[in-house]
Amino acid sequence: MAPDPGLEFLAARLAQQDFAATLLGVPASRFQAAYSCPDCGSGPDIAHGRPGYLLDGGPAPLALSASRRSGWVLCAAVVHPEPGLRVGVDLENAAGTEFAGFDDVALTRQERQHLGALEPGQRPHERARLWARKEAWLKMTGEGLRVSPDSLDVLDSPGLWDLALPDCAEGRELPVGLVAALAVMSR
């Protein structure tokens, strides 16, 4: 039986809030969600976009990002970030990028050439790695999929890293095929 998507979404939001509270050493009950969307604005009335919180009525001193996939949640944060610092993180499953036409809509010409030069068995992991890097970057910039992914080349972007998930999972075994990326940049 597949997990309920609504419950997974709620669990991810609660995990992110707990993560933020732990980083700041305060009870999660002191937070009020205040997301930020380039189109809709920011504040407690916004429930989508870049995550953020109000702490006792003022902005919590965090730059946050989160991603969920295959029942897992990956959170990233910078505590007391310098003004303009942004963070983006993404968690992807290689199986989610294995469909006809993905490369044409998601990858740049250079990325498709890079993928084509690999052994066929390496391509699913690399395709997911590239997609995780794009998603992390677009979360960090706040642009999301307002930017055509095939226009963003992430092969060698400064401020963008692949994450070694087994190190992040505190000894827990992650599903095969999960990859993750982190983007950090100051304006």
N, C-alpha and C. Protein backbone atom coordinates (compact mmCIF):
# COMPACT_ATOMS: atom_id res chain seq x y z
N MET A 1 0.85 -1.19 0.00
CA MET A 1 0.00 0.00 0.00
C MET A 1 0.89 1.25 0.00
N ALA A 2 0.62 2.16 -0.91
CA ALA A 2 1.40 3.39 -1.02
C ALA A 2 1.03 4.34 0.12
N PRO A 3 2.03 5.06 0.63
CA PRO A 3 1.75 6.03 1.69
C PRO A 3 0.84 7.15 1.18
N ASP A 4 0.06 7.71 2.05
CA ASP A 4 -0.82 8.82 1.71
C ASP A 4 0.03 10.06 1.43
N PRO A 5 -0.08 10.65 0.22
CA PRO A 5 0.73 11.83 -0.12
C PRO A 5 0.51 13.00 0.84
N GLY A 6 -0.73 13.18 1.29
CA GLY A 6 -1.01 14.27 2.22
C GLY A 6 -0.30 14.08 3.55
N LEU A 7 -0.27 12.85 4.02
CA LEU A 7 0.44 12.57 5.28
C LEU A 7 1.94 12.73 5.11
N GLU A 8 2.46 12.30 3.96
CA GLU A 8 3.90 12.49 3.69
C GLU A 8 4.25 13.98 3.66
N PHE A 9 3.40 14.78 3.02
CA PHE A 9 3.63 16.22 2.95
C PHE A 9 3.64 16.83 4.35
N LEU A 10 2.65 16.48 5.14
CA LEU A 10 2.56 17.00 6.51
C LEU A 10 3.76 16.55 7.34
N ALA A 11 4.15 15.29 7.22
CA ALA A 11 5.31 14.79 7.96
C ALA A 11 6.57 15.55 7.57
N ALA A 12 6.73 15.85 6.29
CA ALA A 12 7.90 16.60 5.83
C ALA A 12 7.90 18.01 6.42
N ARG A 13 6.74 18.65 6.44
CA ARG A 13 6.65 20.00 7.02
C ARG A 13 6.99 19.98 8.51
N LEU A 14 6.50 18.98 9.21
CA LEU A 14 6.79 18.87 10.65
C LEU A 14 8.27 18.56 10.89
N ALA A 15 8.86 17.72 10.05
CA ALA A 15 10.29 17.40 10.17
C ALA A 15 11.12 18.66 9.95
N GLN A 16 10.73 19.46 8.97
CA GLN A 16 11.46 20.70 8.69
C GLN A 16 11.35 21.68 9.86
N GLN A 17 10.16 21.80 10.44
CA GLN A 17 9.99 22.69 11.58
C GLN A 17 10.80 22.20 12.78
N ASP A 18 10.80 20.90 13.02
CA ASP A 18 11.57 20.34 14.12
C ASP A 18 13.07 20.56 13.89
N PHE A 19 13.51 20.37 12.64
CA PHE A 19 14.91 20.62 12.27
C PHE A 19 15.29 22.06 12.57
N ALA A 20 14.46 23.02 12.15
CA ALA A 20 14.74 24.43 12.38
C ALA A 20 14.77 24.75 13.87
N ALA A 21 13.82 24.22 14.62
CA ALA A 21 13.78 24.46 16.06
C ALA A 21 15.00 23.90 16.76
N THR A 22 15.43 22.71 16.34
CA THR A 22 16.62 22.09 16.93
C THR A 22 17.86 22.94 16.66
N LEU A 23 17.99 23.43 15.43
CA LEU A 23 19.15 24.26 15.09
C LEU A 23 19.22 25.52 15.95
N LEU A 24 18.07 26.12 16.24
CA LEU A 24 18.04 27.36 17.02
C LEU A 24 17.88 27.13 18.52
N GLY A 25 17.67 25.85 18.89
CA GLY A 25 17.56 25.53 20.31
C GLY A 25 16.31 26.09 20.97
N VAL A 26 15.21 26.11 20.21
CA VAL A 26 13.96 26.63 20.74
C VAL A 26 12.85 25.60 20.49
N PRO A 27 11.76 25.66 21.23
CA PRO A 27 10.65 24.75 20.95
C PRO A 27 10.01 25.09 19.60
N ALA A 28 9.62 24.07 18.87
CA ALA A 28 8.99 24.26 17.56
C ALA A 28 7.69 25.06 17.68
N SER A 29 7.07 25.02 18.83
CA SER A 29 5.81 25.75 19.04
C SER A 29 6.00 27.26 18.94
N ARG A 30 7.22 27.76 19.02
CA ARG A 30 7.48 29.20 18.91
C ARG A 30 7.53 29.67 17.46
N PHE A 31 7.50 28.72 16.52
CA PHE A 31 7.57 29.06 15.10
C PHE A 31 6.18 29.24 14.50
N GLN A 32 6.10 30.15 13.55
CA GLN A 32 4.93 30.28 12.69
C GLN A 32 5.46 30.22 11.26
N ALA A 33 4.91 29.32 10.45
CA ALA A 33 5.36 29.18 9.07
C ALA A 33 5.15 30.50 8.33
N ALA A 34 6.14 30.88 7.53
CA ALA A 34 6.08 32.11 6.73
C ALA A 34 6.86 31.87 5.44
N TYR A 35 6.22 31.23 4.48
CA TYR A 35 6.87 30.89 3.21
C TYR A 35 6.97 32.13 2.33
N SER A 36 7.80 32.04 1.31
CA SER A 36 8.03 33.15 0.40
C SER A 36 7.91 32.67 -1.05
N CYS A 37 7.07 33.34 -1.82
CA CYS A 37 6.86 33.01 -3.23
C CYS A 37 7.09 34.29 -4.05
N PRO A 38 7.89 34.20 -5.13
CA PRO A 38 8.13 35.39 -5.94
C PRO A 38 6.85 36.00 -6.52
N ASP A 39 5.83 35.19 -6.74
CA ASP A 39 4.58 35.69 -7.32
C ASP A 39 3.57 36.14 -6.27
N CYS A 40 3.57 35.47 -5.13
CA CYS A 40 2.51 35.71 -4.13
C CYS A 40 2.97 36.52 -2.92
N GLY A 41 4.26 36.70 -2.76
CA GLY A 41 4.78 37.42 -1.60
C GLY A 41 5.26 36.47 -0.52
N SER A 42 5.33 36.98 0.70
CA SER A 42 5.80 36.14 1.79
C SER A 42 5.03 36.48 3.06
N GLY A 43 5.07 35.54 3.99
CA GLY A 43 4.43 35.75 5.27
C GLY A 43 3.62 34.55 5.70
N PRO A 44 2.95 34.66 6.82
CA PRO A 44 2.22 33.54 7.39
C PRO A 44 1.03 33.08 6.55
N ASP A 45 0.57 33.90 5.61
CA ASP A 45 -0.56 33.52 4.77
C ASP A 45 -0.13 32.75 3.53
N ILE A 46 1.17 32.61 3.30
CA ILE A 46 1.70 31.90 2.13
C ILE A 46 2.11 30.50 2.58
N ALA A 47 1.60 29.47 1.91
CA ALA A 47 1.87 28.09 2.31
C ALA A 47 2.72 27.35 1.29
N HIS A 48 3.37 28.07 0.39
CA HIS A 48 4.19 27.44 -0.63
C HIS A 48 5.40 28.34 -0.93
N GLY A 49 6.37 27.78 -1.63
CA GLY A 49 7.57 28.54 -1.98
C GLY A 49 8.73 28.22 -1.06
N ARG A 50 9.63 29.19 -0.92
CA ARG A 50 10.81 29.01 -0.08
C ARG A 50 10.37 28.97 1.38
N PRO A 51 10.80 27.93 2.13
CA PRO A 51 10.37 27.83 3.52
C PRO A 51 11.02 28.88 4.41
N GLY A 52 10.27 29.29 5.38
CA GLY A 52 10.76 30.22 6.38
C GLY A 52 9.82 30.22 7.56
N TYR A 53 10.27 30.83 8.64
CA TYR A 53 9.45 30.87 9.85
C TYR A 53 9.58 32.23 10.51
N LEU A 54 8.53 32.58 11.21
CA LEU A 54 8.59 33.69 12.15
C LEU A 54 8.87 33.06 13.50
N LEU A 55 9.75 33.68 14.25
CA LEU A 55 10.09 33.23 15.60
C LEU A 55 9.73 34.36 16.54
N ASP A 56 8.73 34.11 17.37
CA ASP A 56 8.23 35.15 18.29
C ASP A 56 7.88 36.43 17.53
N GLY A 57 7.32 36.27 16.33
CA GLY A 57 6.84 37.41 15.56
C GLY A 57 7.81 38.01 14.57
N GLY A 58 9.09 37.69 14.67
CA GLY A 58 10.09 38.21 13.73
C GLY A 58 10.69 37.09 12.90
N PRO A 59 11.38 37.42 11.82
CA PRO A 59 11.96 36.37 10.97
C PRO A 59 12.96 35.50 11.75
N ALA A 60 12.80 34.20 11.65
CA ALA A 60 13.77 33.28 12.26
C ALA A 60 15.08 33.41 11.51
N PRO A 61 16.22 33.41 12.21
CA PRO A 61 17.52 33.61 11.56
C PRO A 61 18.03 32.34 10.87
N LEU A 62 17.31 31.94 9.81
CA LEU A 62 17.65 30.72 9.09
C LEU A 62 17.42 30.92 7.59
N ALA A 63 18.29 30.32 6.80
CA ALA A 63 18.03 30.11 5.38
C ALA A 63 17.74 28.63 5.26
N LEU A 64 16.56 28.26 4.78
CA LEU A 64 16.10 26.87 4.79
C LEU A 64 15.76 26.35 3.41
N SER A 65 15.86 25.04 3.28
CA SER A 65 15.34 24.34 2.11
C SER A 65 15.04 22.91 2.53
N ALA A 66 14.10 22.29 1.84
CA ALA A 66 13.76 20.89 2.14
C ALA A 66 13.29 20.21 0.86
N SER A 67 13.43 18.90 0.87
CA SER A 67 12.98 18.09 -0.26
C SER A 67 12.52 16.75 0.29
N ARG A 68 11.54 16.16 -0.37
CA ARG A 68 11.07 14.84 0.06
C ARG A 68 10.95 13.94 -1.16
N ARG A 69 11.28 12.67 -0.93
CA ARG A 69 11.22 11.67 -2.00
C ARG A 69 11.27 10.30 -1.37
N SER A 70 10.48 9.41 -1.88
CA SER A 70 10.52 7.99 -1.48
C SER A 70 10.40 7.80 0.03
N GLY A 71 9.60 8.64 0.68
CA GLY A 71 9.39 8.52 2.11
C GLY A 71 10.48 9.15 2.97
N TRP A 72 11.42 9.85 2.35
CA TRP A 72 12.51 10.50 3.06
C TRP A 72 12.38 12.01 2.93
N VAL A 73 12.89 12.72 3.94
CA VAL A 73 12.93 14.18 3.92
C VAL A 73 14.37 14.59 4.11
N LEU A 74 14.83 15.51 3.28
CA LEU A 74 16.18 16.06 3.39
C LEU A 74 16.04 17.55 3.65
N CYS A 75 16.62 18.02 4.74
CA CYS A 75 16.56 19.43 5.11
C CYS A 75 17.96 20.01 5.10
N ALA A 76 18.05 21.27 4.72
CA ALA A 76 19.32 22.00 4.76
C ALA A 76 19.05 23.39 5.32
N ALA A 77 20.01 23.92 6.04
CA ALA A 77 19.84 25.26 6.62
C ALA A 77 21.18 25.91 6.87
N VAL A 78 21.16 27.21 6.89
CA VAL A 78 22.28 28.01 7.37
C VAL A 78 21.71 28.86 8.50
N VAL A 79 22.32 28.76 9.67
CA VAL A 79 21.88 29.52 10.84
C VAL A 79 22.57 30.87 10.82
N HIS A 80 21.81 31.91 11.11
CA HIS A 80 22.30 33.30 11.10
C HIS A 80 23.01 33.60 9.77
N PRO A 81 22.30 33.42 8.66
CA PRO A 81 22.94 33.65 7.36
C PRO A 81 23.24 35.12 7.14
N GLU A 82 24.26 35.38 6.35
CA GLU A 82 24.52 36.76 5.95
C GLU A 82 23.37 37.21 5.06
N PRO A 83 23.10 38.51 5.01
CA PRO A 83 21.99 38.98 4.17
C PRO A 83 22.15 38.51 2.71
N GLY A 84 21.06 38.02 2.16
CA GLY A 84 21.07 37.57 0.77
C GLY A 84 21.50 36.14 0.56
N LEU A 85 21.99 35.46 1.60
CA LEU A 85 22.39 34.06 1.43
C LEU A 85 21.15 33.21 1.25
N ARG A 86 21.24 32.29 0.26
CA ARG A 86 20.12 31.39 0.00
C ARG A 86 20.64 29.97 -0.11
N VAL A 87 19.77 29.03 0.20
CA VAL A 87 20.13 27.62 0.15
C VAL A 87 19.00 26.85 -0.56
N GLY A 88 19.40 25.82 -1.28
CA GLY A 88 18.43 24.94 -1.93
C GLY A 88 18.93 23.51 -1.84
N VAL A 89 18.04 22.59 -1.61
CA VAL A 89 18.42 21.18 -1.51
C VAL A 89 17.37 20.36 -2.26
N ASP A 90 17.83 19.28 -2.87
CA ASP A 90 16.89 18.41 -3.55
C ASP A 90 17.30 16.96 -3.40
N LEU A 91 16.31 16.12 -3.27
CA LEU A 91 16.45 14.68 -3.13
C LEU A 91 15.66 14.06 -4.27
N GLU A 92 16.32 13.21 -5.06
CA GLU A 92 15.67 12.61 -6.23
C GLU A 92 15.88 11.10 -6.24
N ASN A 93 14.94 10.43 -6.89
CA ASN A 93 15.05 9.00 -7.10
C ASN A 93 15.26 8.78 -8.59
N ALA A 94 16.28 8.01 -8.94
CA ALA A 94 16.62 7.78 -10.35
C ALA A 94 15.42 7.25 -11.13
N ALA A 95 14.58 6.47 -10.51
CA ALA A 95 13.41 5.92 -11.21
C ALA A 95 12.47 7.02 -11.70
N GLY A 96 12.47 8.15 -11.02
CA GLY A 96 11.58 9.25 -11.40
C GLY A 96 12.01 10.02 -12.63
N THR A 97 13.23 9.78 -13.10
CA THR A 97 13.72 10.48 -14.28
C THR A 97 13.83 9.56 -15.48
N GLU A 98 13.38 8.34 -15.33
CA GLU A 98 13.49 7.33 -16.40
C GLU A 98 12.21 7.23 -17.20
N PHE A 99 11.97 8.21 -18.06
CA PHE A 99 10.83 8.12 -18.95
C PHE A 99 11.17 8.81 -20.27
N ALA A 100 10.53 8.37 -21.31
CA ALA A 100 10.80 8.89 -22.65
C ALA A 100 10.57 10.40 -22.69
N GLY A 101 11.52 11.11 -23.24
CA GLY A 101 11.40 12.55 -23.40
C GLY A 101 11.99 13.37 -22.28
N PHE A 102 12.34 12.73 -21.16
CA PHE A 102 12.88 13.49 -20.02
C PHE A 102 14.09 14.31 -20.43
N ASP A 103 15.05 13.67 -21.08
CA ASP A 103 16.29 14.36 -21.44
C ASP A 103 16.03 15.60 -22.29
N ASP A 104 15.09 15.51 -23.22
CA ASP A 104 14.82 16.63 -24.12
C ASP A 104 14.23 17.84 -23.41
N VAL A 105 13.44 17.64 -22.38
CA VAL A 105 12.83 18.77 -21.68
C VAL A 105 13.60 19.20 -20.44
N ALA A 106 14.46 18.33 -19.92
CA ALA A 106 15.11 18.64 -18.63
C ALA A 106 16.59 18.95 -18.74
N LEU A 107 17.25 18.48 -19.79
CA LEU A 107 18.71 18.62 -19.85
C LEU A 107 19.14 19.54 -20.99
N THR A 108 20.25 20.25 -20.75
CA THR A 108 20.83 21.07 -21.81
C THR A 108 21.51 20.17 -22.84
N ARG A 109 21.87 20.75 -23.96
CA ARG A 109 22.58 19.98 -24.99
C ARG A 109 23.87 19.39 -24.43
N GLN A 110 24.61 20.19 -23.69
CA GLN A 110 25.88 19.72 -23.10
C GLN A 110 25.63 18.58 -22.11
N GLU A 111 24.58 18.68 -21.31
CA GLU A 111 24.26 17.62 -20.35
C GLU A 111 23.84 16.34 -21.07
N ARG A 112 23.09 16.47 -22.16
CA ARG A 112 22.70 15.28 -22.94
C ARG A 112 23.94 14.62 -23.55
N GLN A 113 24.88 15.41 -24.02
CA GLN A 113 26.13 14.85 -24.57
C GLN A 113 26.92 14.14 -23.47
N HIS A 114 26.99 14.75 -22.31
CA HIS A 114 27.66 14.16 -21.15
C HIS A 114 27.03 12.81 -20.81
N LEU A 115 25.72 12.77 -20.75
CA LEU A 115 24.99 11.55 -20.44
C LEU A 115 25.23 10.48 -21.51
N GLY A 116 25.21 10.88 -22.77
CA GLY A 116 25.42 9.95 -23.87
C GLY A 116 26.80 9.32 -23.88
N ALA A 117 27.78 9.99 -23.28
CA ALA A 117 29.14 9.47 -23.24
C ALA A 117 29.33 8.42 -22.15
N LEU A 118 28.35 8.26 -21.29
CA LEU A 118 28.46 7.29 -20.19
C LEU A 118 27.99 5.91 -20.63
N GLU A 119 28.42 4.91 -19.88
CA GLU A 119 27.91 3.55 -20.09
C GLU A 119 26.41 3.56 -19.78
N PRO A 120 25.61 2.80 -20.52
CA PRO A 120 24.16 2.80 -20.28
C PRO A 120 23.76 2.55 -18.83
N GLY A 121 24.46 1.70 -18.12
CA GLY A 121 24.13 1.41 -16.73
C GLY A 121 24.37 2.57 -15.78
N GLN A 122 25.19 3.54 -16.18
CA GLN A 122 25.49 4.71 -15.34
C GLN A 122 24.50 5.85 -15.57
N ARG A 123 23.78 5.80 -16.65
CA ARG A 123 22.93 6.92 -17.04
C ARG A 123 21.78 7.22 -16.08
N PRO A 124 21.06 6.22 -15.56
CA PRO A 124 19.95 6.57 -14.65
C PRO A 124 20.40 7.36 -13.43
N HIS A 125 21.49 6.94 -12.81
CA HIS A 125 22.00 7.66 -11.64
C HIS A 125 22.45 9.07 -12.02
N GLU A 126 23.15 9.18 -13.13
CA GLU A 126 23.65 10.49 -13.56
C GLU A 126 22.51 11.42 -13.95
N ARG A 127 21.50 10.89 -14.60
CA ARG A 127 20.32 11.69 -14.97
C ARG A 127 19.66 12.25 -13.71
N ALA A 128 19.48 11.41 -12.71
CA ALA A 128 18.87 11.85 -11.45
C ALA A 128 19.77 12.85 -10.73
N ARG A 129 21.08 12.64 -10.80
CA ARG A 129 22.02 13.58 -10.18
C ARG A 129 21.90 14.96 -10.81
N LEU A 130 21.85 15.00 -12.12
CA LEU A 130 21.70 16.29 -12.82
C LEU A 130 20.38 16.96 -12.46
N TRP A 131 19.30 16.16 -12.39
CA TRP A 131 18.00 16.73 -12.05
C TRP A 131 17.99 17.25 -10.61
N ALA A 132 18.60 16.53 -9.68
CA ALA A 132 18.69 17.00 -8.29
C ALA A 132 19.44 18.31 -8.22
N ARG A 133 20.52 18.44 -9.00
CA ARG A 133 21.29 19.68 -9.02
C ARG A 133 20.45 20.84 -9.56
N LYS A 134 19.67 20.59 -10.61
CA LYS A 134 18.81 21.64 -11.16
C LYS A 134 17.76 22.07 -10.14
N GLU A 135 17.11 21.10 -9.54
CA GLU A 135 16.07 21.42 -8.55
C GLU A 135 16.65 22.19 -7.37
N ALA A 136 17.81 21.77 -6.86
CA ALA A 136 18.44 22.47 -5.74
C ALA A 136 18.75 23.91 -6.15
N TRP A 137 19.29 24.09 -7.34
CA TRP A 137 19.65 25.43 -7.82
C TRP A 137 18.40 26.31 -7.95
N LEU A 138 17.35 25.76 -8.55
CA LEU A 138 16.14 26.55 -8.76
C LEU A 138 15.39 26.84 -7.47
N LYS A 139 15.51 25.97 -6.47
CA LYS A 139 14.97 26.27 -5.15
C LYS A 139 15.77 27.40 -4.52
N MET A 140 17.10 27.33 -4.66
CA MET A 140 17.96 28.34 -4.07
C MET A 140 17.67 29.72 -4.67
N THR A 141 17.53 29.80 -5.98
CA THR A 141 17.28 31.10 -6.61
C THR A 141 15.85 31.58 -6.40
N GLY A 142 14.95 30.65 -6.06
CA GLY A 142 13.55 30.99 -5.90
C GLY A 142 12.78 30.97 -7.21
N GLU A 143 13.45 30.63 -8.30
CA GLU A 143 12.80 30.63 -9.60
C GLU A 143 11.94 29.39 -9.82
N GLY A 144 12.31 28.28 -9.21
CA GLY A 144 11.57 27.05 -9.42
C GLY A 144 11.46 26.74 -10.90
N LEU A 145 10.40 26.08 -11.27
CA LEU A 145 10.24 25.69 -12.67
C LEU A 145 9.66 26.80 -13.54
N ARG A 146 9.78 28.06 -13.07
CA ARG A 146 9.51 29.20 -13.94
C ARG A 146 10.62 29.30 -14.99
N VAL A 147 11.75 28.66 -14.69
CA VAL A 147 12.88 28.58 -15.61
C VAL A 147 12.81 27.24 -16.31
N SER A 148 12.98 27.25 -17.61
CA SER A 148 12.98 26.00 -18.37
C SER A 148 14.23 25.21 -17.98
N PRO A 149 14.06 23.99 -17.45
CA PRO A 149 15.22 23.24 -16.98
C PRO A 149 16.25 22.95 -18.06
N ASP A 150 15.82 22.89 -19.32
CA ASP A 150 16.79 22.62 -20.39
C ASP A 150 17.63 23.84 -20.74
N SER A 151 17.41 24.96 -20.02
CA SER A 151 18.24 26.15 -20.23
C SER A 151 19.27 26.33 -19.11
N LEU A 152 19.23 25.48 -18.11
CA LEU A 152 20.12 25.59 -16.94
C LEU A 152 21.11 24.44 -16.94
N ASP A 153 22.38 24.73 -17.21
CA ASP A 153 23.42 23.71 -17.21
C ASP A 153 24.03 23.63 -15.82
N VAL A 154 24.04 22.43 -15.23
CA VAL A 154 24.51 22.26 -13.85
C VAL A 154 25.71 21.31 -13.76
N LEU A 155 26.38 21.07 -14.87
CA LEU A 155 27.53 20.16 -14.82
C LEU A 155 28.64 20.71 -13.93
N ASP A 156 28.95 21.97 -14.06
CA ASP A 156 30.04 22.59 -13.28
C ASP A 156 29.62 23.96 -12.78
N SER A 157 28.66 24.01 -11.89
CA SER A 157 28.19 25.28 -11.36
C SER A 157 28.81 25.54 -10.00
N PRO A 158 29.44 26.70 -9.81
CA PRO A 158 29.94 27.03 -8.47
C PRO A 158 28.77 27.18 -7.50
N GLY A 159 28.99 26.76 -6.27
CA GLY A 159 27.94 26.84 -5.26
C GLY A 159 26.97 25.68 -5.30
N LEU A 160 27.32 24.63 -6.04
CA LEU A 160 26.43 23.48 -6.19
C LEU A 160 27.22 22.21 -5.92
N TRP A 161 26.71 21.37 -5.00
CA TRP A 161 27.42 20.16 -4.60
C TRP A 161 26.48 18.96 -4.60
N ASP A 162 27.05 17.81 -4.91
CA ASP A 162 26.35 16.54 -4.74
C ASP A 162 26.55 16.12 -3.29
N LEU A 163 25.53 15.57 -2.66
CA LEU A 163 25.63 15.12 -1.28
C LEU A 163 25.78 13.61 -1.23
N ALA A 164 26.60 13.15 -0.31
CA ALA A 164 26.76 11.71 -0.08
C ALA A 164 25.71 11.30 0.95
N LEU A 165 24.62 10.75 0.48
CA LEU A 165 23.49 10.46 1.36
C LEU A 165 23.76 9.47 2.48
N PRO A 166 24.54 8.40 2.27
CA PRO A 166 24.76 7.51 3.41
C PRO A 166 25.35 8.24 4.62
N ASP A 167 26.16 9.25 4.38
CA ASP A 167 26.73 10.02 5.48
C ASP A 167 25.65 10.85 6.19
N CYS A 168 24.63 11.25 5.45
CA CYS A 168 23.57 12.09 6.01
C CYS A 168 22.53 11.28 6.77
N ALA A 169 22.47 9.99 6.53
CA ALA A 169 21.36 9.19 7.04
C ALA A 169 21.62 8.56 8.40
N GLU A 170 22.71 8.92 9.06
CA GLU A 170 23.02 8.41 10.40
C GLU A 170 22.90 6.90 10.48
N GLY A 171 23.49 6.21 9.49
CA GLY A 171 23.52 4.76 9.53
C GLY A 171 22.28 4.08 9.00
N ARG A 172 21.26 4.83 8.67
CA ARG A 172 20.05 4.22 8.10
C ARG A 172 20.28 3.93 6.63
N GLU A 173 19.72 2.83 6.18
CA GLU A 173 19.89 2.47 4.78
C GLU A 173 18.84 3.19 3.94
N LEU A 174 19.32 3.92 2.95
CA LEU A 174 18.43 4.64 2.06
C LEU A 174 18.05 3.77 0.87
N PRO A 175 16.91 4.03 0.27
CA PRO A 175 16.53 3.28 -0.91
C PRO A 175 17.56 3.46 -2.03
N VAL A 176 17.78 2.41 -2.78
CA VAL A 176 18.70 2.46 -3.91
C VAL A 176 18.18 3.47 -4.91
N GLY A 177 19.08 4.26 -5.47
CA GLY A 177 18.70 5.21 -6.50
C GLY A 177 18.49 6.63 -6.03
N LEU A 178 18.52 6.89 -4.71
CA LEU A 178 18.34 8.26 -4.23
C LEU A 178 19.65 9.03 -4.38
N VAL A 179 19.53 10.23 -4.87
CA VAL A 179 20.66 11.16 -4.99
C VAL A 179 20.22 12.51 -4.45
N ALA A 180 21.18 13.33 -4.06
CA ALA A 180 20.84 14.64 -3.50
C ALA A 180 21.87 15.68 -3.90
N ALA A 181 21.41 16.93 -3.91
CA ALA A 181 22.29 18.05 -4.24
C ALA A 181 21.96 19.22 -3.33
N LEU A 182 22.97 20.07 -3.12
CA LEU A 182 22.86 21.26 -2.28
C LEU A 182 23.39 22.45 -3.06
N ALA A 183 22.66 23.55 -3.03
CA ALA A 183 23.09 24.80 -3.65
C ALA A 183 23.10 25.89 -2.59
N VAL A 184 24.17 26.67 -2.56
CA VAL A 184 24.28 27.79 -1.61
C VAL A 184 24.90 28.96 -2.35
N MET A 185 24.30 30.14 -2.18
CA MET A 185 24.81 31.32 -2.86
C MET A 185 24.41 32.57 -2.09
N SER A 186 25.29 33.56 -2.12
CA SER A 186 24.96 34.88 -1.60
C SER A 186 24.70 35.80 -2.78
N ARG A 187 23.78 36.68 -2.62
CA ARG A 187 23.51 37.64 -3.70
C ARG A 187 24.58 38.68 -3.76
